[in-house]
Amino acid sequence: MDMSEAESPKENSNAVESKIAVIDDFRLQSGEILPRLEIAYETYGALAGDGRNAILITHGYMGHQHAAGLYQPGKAARGVSDTENGWWNALIGPGKPIDTRRYFVVASNTLGSSHGSTHPASIDPRTGKSYGPDFPEITMVDMVAAQRALLDRLGVQHVVAVVGWSYGGYQAFQWAVTYPTMVDGIVVTASAPKGSGSSDGVDWLIAEFVQDPNWNNGWYYDRGGVKAALMKVRIAELERWNFERRTDEALRRKLLQRVARIWAEFFDAHSLIVMRRAADGYNAEKDFAQIKAKVLYVLSATDPYFTPSLAPNVMATLTANGIDATYFQIDSDNGHFAPTVDAKRWAPVLRHFLARLDAVATGR
């Protein structure tokens, strides 16, 4: 998602810039190798000498890594405005729950996303052309492995918490089962421990894209892209997630069109497909027995997708596996976006959870 936390006045920071880390010969879970993996990221705060004060922030399906602060001029991530605060600005910064005076915060753009990391529109070094529909299948395991490689590159030795919203919550759960001894806690908001298990989402996307006259069997890069189809998909997703539901309907329609138009200018259709496929096949729940981290699970009362009805089963399954888990429900009418636009409503819960993790680390 690319919703920005609405704060006034905007916070100015001279430290925020989007950076790129390059990892050569990155092996995917399938065994296929990406000869050049680029991961776009931002950092806030400073890494401690022992490398153990890191918090990783993971973003939504159509979103980006600009989680806090304002960019330096000319340092914005691809497709991200340099005039808006990050989408979790209410939670990340000096004195905030994710206190950058204490923590080294890393916000990573997901492998496969179009905001600077390697994705289907990226150039394949072996051919000199975009991967396009030949981009290899990736999984949630690959995404967190890419994040792990980034953290290793930055000198991080241990992670205090992985904090994720929506698609980023999938990654937080995956972190806990893939790297159980590296992370003390995970914070999962507006998300779930497993995907649909169905191809319906991917099938719907492809059905929308093939109707665009520029599709050309997925090789649309020299034809101006498939922007009309992308706009339609984006609007449908925002509608499903109750985007700006309190706004006057006529104004809301104009806002939807504007958001979708800006986003469709740079986001790649194949990114949506490969990321949706990874989500549909993802299942961290089957590996809950591996989790050693504490869990904070946060849902919105009005989220039409990750509804509060998920909580009893998720919490029961976590507890049955001996996991220290806490649930909190945000009382909000902002649907799927409540963890971001209403971040202050659950900020005290996050602050308390991180304090518990700090207490455990201090006692180690």
Protein backbone atom coordinates (compact mmCIF):
# COMPACT_ATOMS: atom_id res chain seq x y z
CA MET A 1 0.00 0.00 0.00
CA ASP A 2 1.12 3.55 -0.39
CA MET A 3 -1.00 5.31 2.20
CA SER A 4 0.89 8.01 4.12
CA GLU A 5 0.30 8.72 7.78
CA ALA A 6 -1.53 12.03 7.93
CA GLU A 7 0.39 14.19 10.40
CA SER A 8 0.62 17.94 10.54
CA PRO A 9 3.05 19.51 10.37
CA LYS A 10 5.12 17.09 8.32
CA GLU A 11 8.29 15.89 9.96
CA ASN A 12 11.49 16.90 8.26
CA SER A 13 14.42 14.51 8.39
CA ASN A 14 17.76 14.93 6.71
CA ALA A 15 18.50 11.23 7.05
CA VAL A 16 15.86 9.53 4.89
CA GLU A 17 16.93 8.26 1.50
CA SER A 18 16.16 5.19 -0.53
CA LYS A 19 19.22 3.00 -1.07
CA ILE A 20 19.98 -0.13 -3.06
CA ALA A 21 21.85 -3.20 -1.86
CA VAL A 22 23.18 -5.61 -4.49
CA ILE A 23 23.53 -9.34 -3.82
CA ASP A 24 25.12 -11.47 -6.52
CA ASP A 25 23.92 -14.96 -7.44
CA PHE A 26 20.92 -15.11 -5.13
CA ARG A 27 19.50 -18.62 -5.01
CA LEU A 28 15.73 -18.92 -4.89
CA GLN A 29 13.82 -21.65 -3.09
CA SER A 30 13.19 -23.27 -6.49
CA GLY A 31 16.94 -23.58 -7.05
CA GLU A 32 16.94 -20.94 -9.79
CA ILE A 33 19.53 -18.18 -9.39
CA LEU A 34 19.04 -14.45 -9.83
CA PRO A 35 22.46 -13.30 -11.06
CA ARG A 36 21.89 -9.81 -9.64
CA LEU A 37 19.47 -9.16 -6.82
CA GLU A 38 18.79 -5.54 -5.92
CA ILE A 39 16.93 -4.72 -2.72
CA ALA A 40 15.73 -1.15 -2.19
CA TYR A 41 15.60 -0.06 1.43
CA GLU A 42 15.63 2.79 3.93
CA THR A 43 17.12 3.01 7.40
CA TYR A 44 16.35 5.18 10.41
CA GLY A 45 18.48 5.40 13.55
CA ALA A 46 21.89 3.83 14.10
CA LEU A 47 23.06 0.22 14.36
CA ALA A 48 24.48 -0.65 17.78
CA GLY A 49 28.02 -1.91 18.04
CA ASP A 50 26.83 -5.47 18.69
CA GLY A 51 24.43 -5.34 15.73
CA ARG A 52 21.48 -6.46 17.84
CA ASN A 53 19.12 -3.46 17.96
CA ALA A 54 17.47 -3.81 14.53
CA ILE A 55 13.77 -3.70 13.70
CA LEU A 56 12.65 -4.70 10.21
CA ILE A 57 9.58 -3.05 8.65
CA THR A 58 7.73 -4.88 5.88
CA HIS A 59 5.12 -3.28 3.62
CA GLY A 60 1.83 -4.07 1.90
CA TYR A 61 1.15 -5.79 -1.41
CA MET A 62 1.08 -2.68 -3.60
CA GLY A 63 3.15 -0.61 -1.20
CA HIS A 64 6.68 0.56 -0.63
CA GLN A 65 9.53 0.94 1.83
CA HIS A 66 9.02 4.61 2.70
CA ALA A 67 7.81 3.95 6.23
CA ALA A 68 8.91 7.11 8.04
CA GLY A 69 10.16 10.67 7.75
CA LEU A 70 10.67 12.81 4.66
CA TYR A 71 13.17 12.19 1.89
CA GLN A 72 16.23 14.24 1.20
CA PRO A 73 15.82 16.06 -2.13
CA GLY A 74 16.38 13.63 -4.98
CA LYS A 75 16.62 10.60 -2.68
CA ALA A 76 13.09 9.20 -2.98
CA ALA A 77 12.35 5.60 -3.88
CA ARG A 78 11.04 4.75 -7.32
CA GLY A 79 7.38 5.74 -7.60
CA VAL A 80 7.22 7.32 -4.13
CA SER A 81 6.42 10.98 -3.45
CA ASP A 82 9.21 12.98 -1.82
CA THR A 83 6.71 15.35 -0.19
CA GLU A 84 4.86 12.97 2.14
CA ASN A 85 5.71 11.40 5.45
CA GLY A 86 6.20 7.64 5.47
CA TRP A 87 3.11 5.48 5.95
CA TRP A 88 4.02 4.50 9.53
CA ASN A 89 5.39 7.88 10.52
CA ALA A 90 3.20 7.88 13.64
CA LEU A 91 5.04 4.80 14.92
CA ILE A 92 8.66 5.28 13.80
CA GLY A 93 10.92 8.08 14.99
CA PRO A 94 12.49 9.67 18.08
CA GLY A 95 10.30 9.05 21.12
CA LYS A 96 7.71 7.06 19.15
CA PRO A 97 6.94 3.37 19.84
CA ILE A 98 9.63 2.29 17.37
CA ASP A 99 12.11 4.74 18.84
CA THR A 100 14.93 5.53 16.44
CA ARG A 101 17.05 6.76 19.34
CA ARG A 102 17.14 3.15 20.49
CA TYR A 103 16.52 1.00 17.42
CA PHE A 104 18.13 0.69 14.01
CA VAL A 105 15.08 0.48 11.75
CA VAL A 106 15.30 -1.06 8.28
CA ALA A 107 12.37 -0.79 5.86
CA SER A 108 12.89 -3.13 2.93
CA ASN A 109 11.17 -3.14 -0.44
CA THR A 110 10.00 -6.67 -1.16
CA LEU A 111 11.67 -8.85 -3.77
CA GLY A 112 9.33 -8.73 -6.77
CA SER A 113 7.92 -5.29 -5.95
CA SER A 114 8.24 -2.33 -8.33
CA HIS A 115 9.63 0.27 -5.91
CA GLY A 116 13.30 -0.38 -6.58
CA SER A 117 13.93 -4.05 -5.82
CA THR A 118 14.48 -6.68 -8.50
CA HIS A 119 11.13 -7.42 -10.16
CA PRO A 120 9.87 -8.61 -13.56
CA ALA A 121 10.50 -5.27 -15.29
CA SER A 122 14.15 -5.33 -14.13
CA ILE A 123 16.85 -6.12 -16.66
CA ASP A 124 18.04 -9.70 -16.73
CA PRO A 125 21.86 -9.41 -16.96
CA ARG A 126 21.94 -12.57 -19.05
CA THR A 127 19.76 -11.15 -21.84
CA GLY A 128 19.96 -7.38 -21.47
CA LYS A 129 16.14 -7.25 -21.54
CA SER A 130 13.40 -7.14 -18.92
CA TYR A 131 12.51 -10.49 -17.36
CA GLY A 132 8.82 -9.89 -18.09
CA PRO A 133 6.74 -13.07 -17.97
CA ASP A 134 9.99 -15.09 -17.73
CA PHE A 135 10.65 -13.80 -14.21
CA PRO A 136 11.13 -16.85 -11.99
CA GLU A 137 8.50 -17.93 -9.50
CA ILE A 138 9.26 -16.57 -6.05
CA THR A 139 7.93 -17.49 -2.62
CA MET A 140 7.50 -15.80 0.73
CA VAL A 141 10.59 -17.73 1.83
CA ASP A 142 12.55 -16.06 -0.98
CA MET A 143 11.32 -12.63 0.09
CA VAL A 144 12.45 -13.02 3.69
CA ALA A 145 15.73 -14.61 2.55
CA ALA A 146 16.39 -11.50 0.48
CA GLN A 147 15.67 -9.37 3.55
CA ARG A 148 18.02 -11.55 5.59
CA ALA A 149 20.74 -11.04 2.98
CA LEU A 150 20.17 -7.27 3.20
CA LEU A 151 20.41 -7.28 6.99
CA ASP A 152 23.60 -9.33 6.81
CA ARG A 153 25.02 -6.76 4.41
CA LEU A 154 24.14 -3.98 6.86
CA GLY A 155 25.87 -5.73 9.75
CA VAL A 156 22.72 -6.75 11.63
CA GLN A 157 23.37 -9.70 13.92
CA HIS A 158 19.97 -10.04 15.54
CA VAL A 159 16.47 -8.62 15.02
CA VAL A 160 14.41 -7.27 17.90
CA ALA A 161 11.21 -7.45 15.86
CA VAL A 162 9.79 -7.75 12.37
CA VAL A 163 6.81 -5.39 12.09
CA GLY A 164 4.57 -5.86 9.06
CA TRP A 165 1.29 -4.62 7.66
CA SER A 166 -0.92 -6.66 5.30
CA TYR A 167 1.42 -8.45 2.85
CA GLY A 168 4.20 -7.43 5.20
CA GLY A 169 2.45 -9.38 7.95
CA TYR A 170 2.81 -12.52 5.83
CA GLN A 171 6.53 -11.85 5.79
CA ALA A 172 6.65 -11.29 9.55
CA PHE A 173 5.11 -14.71 10.17
CA GLN A 174 7.49 -16.22 7.60
CA TRP A 175 10.47 -14.64 9.37
CA ALA A 176 9.43 -16.25 12.63
CA VAL A 177 9.36 -19.75 11.14
CA THR A 178 12.34 -19.41 8.77
CA TYR A 179 14.74 -17.67 11.16
CA PRO A 180 13.40 -18.61 14.61
CA THR A 181 16.59 -17.86 16.53
CA MET A 182 17.30 -14.51 14.87
CA VAL A 183 14.16 -12.61 15.86
CA ASP A 184 12.75 -11.89 19.34
CA GLY A 185 9.27 -10.83 18.27
CA ILE A 186 6.97 -10.24 15.34
CA VAL A 187 4.16 -7.71 14.96
CA VAL A 188 1.55 -8.76 12.40
CA THR A 189 -1.13 -6.24 11.44
CA ALA A 190 -4.10 -6.69 9.09
CA SER A 191 -2.77 -10.03 7.89
CA ALA A 192 -2.84 -13.79 8.42
CA PRO A 193 -0.46 -16.75 8.74
CA LYS A 194 -1.44 -18.32 5.42
CA GLY A 195 -2.71 -17.39 1.97
CA SER A 196 -5.79 -18.50 0.12
CA GLY A 197 -4.30 -21.70 -1.27
CA SER A 198 -6.18 -20.91 -4.48
CA SER A 199 -5.13 -19.52 -7.85
CA ASP A 200 -8.28 -17.39 -8.11
CA GLY A 201 -6.46 -14.13 -7.34
CA VAL A 202 -3.80 -14.71 -9.95
CA ASP A 203 -6.36 -15.87 -12.49
CA TRP A 204 -8.37 -12.68 -11.95
CA LEU A 205 -5.30 -10.48 -12.44
CA ILE A 206 -4.29 -12.22 -15.66
CA ALA A 207 -7.86 -12.04 -16.96
CA GLU A 208 -7.83 -8.27 -16.41
CA PHE A 209 -4.44 -7.74 -18.02
CA VAL A 210 -5.01 -9.82 -21.14
CA GLN A 211 -7.89 -7.51 -22.05
CA ASP A 212 -5.49 -4.60 -22.39
CA PRO A 213 -4.59 -4.13 -26.09
CA ASN A 214 -0.93 -3.68 -25.13
CA TRP A 215 -0.64 -7.01 -23.29
CA ASN A 216 1.15 -8.87 -26.13
CA ASN A 217 1.46 -12.15 -24.20
CA GLY A 218 3.03 -10.24 -21.32
CA TRP A 219 5.66 -8.44 -23.43
CA TYR A 220 4.14 -4.99 -23.17
CA TYR A 221 7.26 -2.99 -22.26
CA ASP A 222 7.75 -1.55 -25.75
CA ARG A 223 4.04 -0.84 -26.16
CA GLY A 224 3.52 1.69 -23.38
CA GLY A 225 2.55 -0.81 -20.70
CA VAL A 226 -0.90 -1.86 -19.53
CA LYS A 227 -1.77 1.23 -17.52
CA ALA A 228 -5.51 1.10 -18.12
CA ALA A 229 -5.72 -2.44 -16.75
CA LEU A 230 -3.48 -1.54 -13.81
CA MET A 231 -5.73 1.38 -12.90
CA LYS A 232 -8.77 -0.87 -12.96
CA VAL A 233 -7.05 -3.43 -10.73
CA ARG A 234 -5.83 -0.79 -8.30
CA ILE A 235 -9.25 0.79 -7.93
CA ALA A 236 -10.84 -2.62 -7.36
CA GLU A 237 -8.33 -3.41 -4.61
CA LEU A 238 -8.79 -0.04 -2.91
CA GLU A 239 -12.55 -0.50 -3.02
CA ARG A 240 -12.22 -3.95 -1.48
CA TRP A 241 -10.09 -2.59 1.34
CA ASN A 242 -12.57 0.22 2.16
CA PHE A 243 -10.22 2.98 1.08
CA GLU A 244 -11.35 6.42 2.35
CA ARG A 245 -14.81 5.03 3.07
CA ARG A 246 -15.78 8.08 5.19
CA THR A 247 -15.16 10.54 2.34
CA ASP A 248 -17.98 12.03 0.25
CA GLU A 249 -18.60 9.55 -2.57
CA ALA A 250 -17.96 11.95 -5.44
CA LEU A 251 -14.70 13.12 -3.88
CA ARG A 252 -13.79 9.54 -3.06
CA ARG A 253 -14.17 8.48 -6.70
CA LYS A 254 -11.88 11.32 -7.80
CA LEU A 255 -9.34 10.32 -5.15
CA LEU A 256 -9.46 6.68 -6.23
CA GLN A 257 -8.82 7.68 -9.83
CA ARG A 258 -5.91 9.93 -8.87
CA VAL A 259 -4.23 7.35 -6.63
CA ALA A 260 -4.65 4.61 -9.23
CA ARG A 261 -3.39 6.79 -12.09
CA ILE A 262 -0.18 7.79 -10.27
CA TRP A 263 0.48 4.22 -9.17
CA ALA A 264 -0.14 2.73 -12.63
CA GLU A 265 2.55 4.96 -14.15
CA PHE A 266 5.35 2.87 -12.67
CA PHE A 267 4.06 -0.38 -11.13
CA ASP A 268 4.59 -3.50 -13.22
CA ALA A 269 1.70 -5.85 -13.89
CA HIS A 270 3.93 -8.91 -13.59
CA SER A 271 4.96 -7.75 -10.11
CA LEU A 272 1.35 -8.07 -9.02
CA ILE A 273 1.14 -11.54 -10.51
CA VAL A 274 4.32 -12.98 -8.99
CA MET A 275 3.61 -11.43 -5.59
CA ARG A 276 0.01 -12.63 -5.56
CA ARG A 277 1.11 -16.11 -6.53
CA ALA A 278 3.61 -16.11 -3.66
CA ALA A 279 0.86 -15.01 -1.25
CA ASP A 280 -1.62 -17.62 -2.44
CA GLY A 281 0.86 -20.44 -1.88
CA TYR A 282 2.18 -19.15 1.44
CA ASN A 283 1.52 -21.06 4.66
CA ALA A 284 3.49 -20.26 7.78
CA GLU A 285 0.83 -21.76 10.05
CA LYS A 286 1.93 -25.31 9.30
CA ASP A 287 5.34 -24.44 10.74
CA PHE A 288 4.18 -22.64 13.90
CA ALA A 289 6.04 -25.22 15.98
CA GLN A 290 9.27 -23.59 14.80
CA ILE A 291 8.40 -20.17 16.23
CA LYS A 292 10.39 -18.95 19.23
CA ALA A 293 9.46 -15.26 18.90
CA LYS A 294 6.74 -13.50 20.83
CA VAL A 295 3.81 -12.45 18.65
CA LEU A 296 1.61 -9.35 18.61
CA TYR A 297 -1.36 -9.86 16.30
CA VAL A 298 -3.39 -6.78 15.39
CA LEU A 299 -6.57 -6.65 13.29
CA SER A 300 -9.02 -3.90 12.38
CA ALA A 301 -12.65 -4.17 13.43
CA THR A 302 -13.79 -3.16 9.93
CA ASP A 303 -11.23 -4.87 7.70
CA PRO A 304 -13.30 -6.70 5.08
CA TYR A 305 -10.40 -8.92 4.04
CA PHE A 306 -8.52 -9.86 7.21
CA THR A 307 -11.58 -9.83 9.42
CA PRO A 308 -11.49 -10.17 13.23
CA SER A 309 -13.07 -13.61 12.78
CA LEU A 310 -9.56 -14.83 11.95
CA ALA A 311 -8.26 -14.07 15.42
CA PRO A 312 -9.68 -16.94 17.52
CA ASN A 313 -8.21 -19.67 15.33
CA VAL A 314 -4.87 -17.92 14.82
CA MET A 315 -4.46 -17.22 18.53
CA ALA A 316 -5.53 -20.74 19.50
CA THR A 317 -3.04 -22.27 17.07
CA LEU A 318 -0.22 -20.03 18.30
CA THR A 319 -1.04 -20.89 21.93
CA ALA A 320 -1.26 -24.60 21.16
CA ASN A 321 2.30 -24.40 19.88
CA GLY A 322 3.52 -22.78 23.09
CA ILE A 323 3.95 -19.32 21.58
CA ASP A 324 3.63 -16.18 23.68
CA ALA A 325 0.98 -14.32 21.65
CA THR A 326 -1.08 -11.18 22.24
CA TYR A 327 -4.08 -10.01 20.26
CA PHE A 328 -5.37 -6.46 19.84
CA GLN A 329 -8.30 -5.20 17.78
CA ILE A 330 -8.29 -1.62 16.46
CA ASP A 331 -11.66 0.07 16.90
CA SER A 332 -11.73 1.91 13.59
CA ASP A 333 -13.94 2.41 10.56
CA ASN A 334 -10.90 2.69 8.25
CA GLY A 335 -11.00 -0.96 7.26
CA HIS A 336 -7.78 -2.52 6.04
CA PHE A 337 -5.92 0.79 6.44
CA ALA A 338 -6.58 1.16 10.17
CA PRO A 339 -3.10 0.01 11.28
CA THR A 340 -1.60 2.89 9.26
CA VAL A 341 -4.04 5.80 9.25
CA ASP A 342 -5.14 5.02 12.81
CA ALA A 343 -1.70 4.01 14.02
CA LYS A 344 -1.98 6.06 17.20
CA ARG A 345 -4.91 3.91 18.35
CA TRP A 346 -2.66 0.89 18.78
CA ALA A 347 0.68 2.64 19.38
CA PRO A 348 0.57 2.05 23.18
CA VAL A 349 0.13 -1.68 22.59
CA LEU A 350 3.13 -1.73 20.26
CA ARG A 351 5.22 0.28 22.73
CA HIS A 352 4.40 -2.16 25.52
CA PHE A 353 5.19 -5.18 23.33
CA LEU A 354 8.61 -3.81 22.34
CA ALA A 355 9.33 -3.02 26.00
CA ARG A 356 8.67 -6.68 26.79
CA LEU A 357 11.11 -7.73 24.08
CA ASP A 358 13.71 -5.31 25.44
CA ALA A 359 13.26 -6.80 28.92
CA VAL A 360 13.90 -10.29 27.57
CA ALA A 361 16.99 -9.11 25.67
CA THR A 362 18.33 -7.34 28.75
CA GLY A 363 17.94 -10.50 30.79
CA ARG A 364 19.75 -12.70 28.28
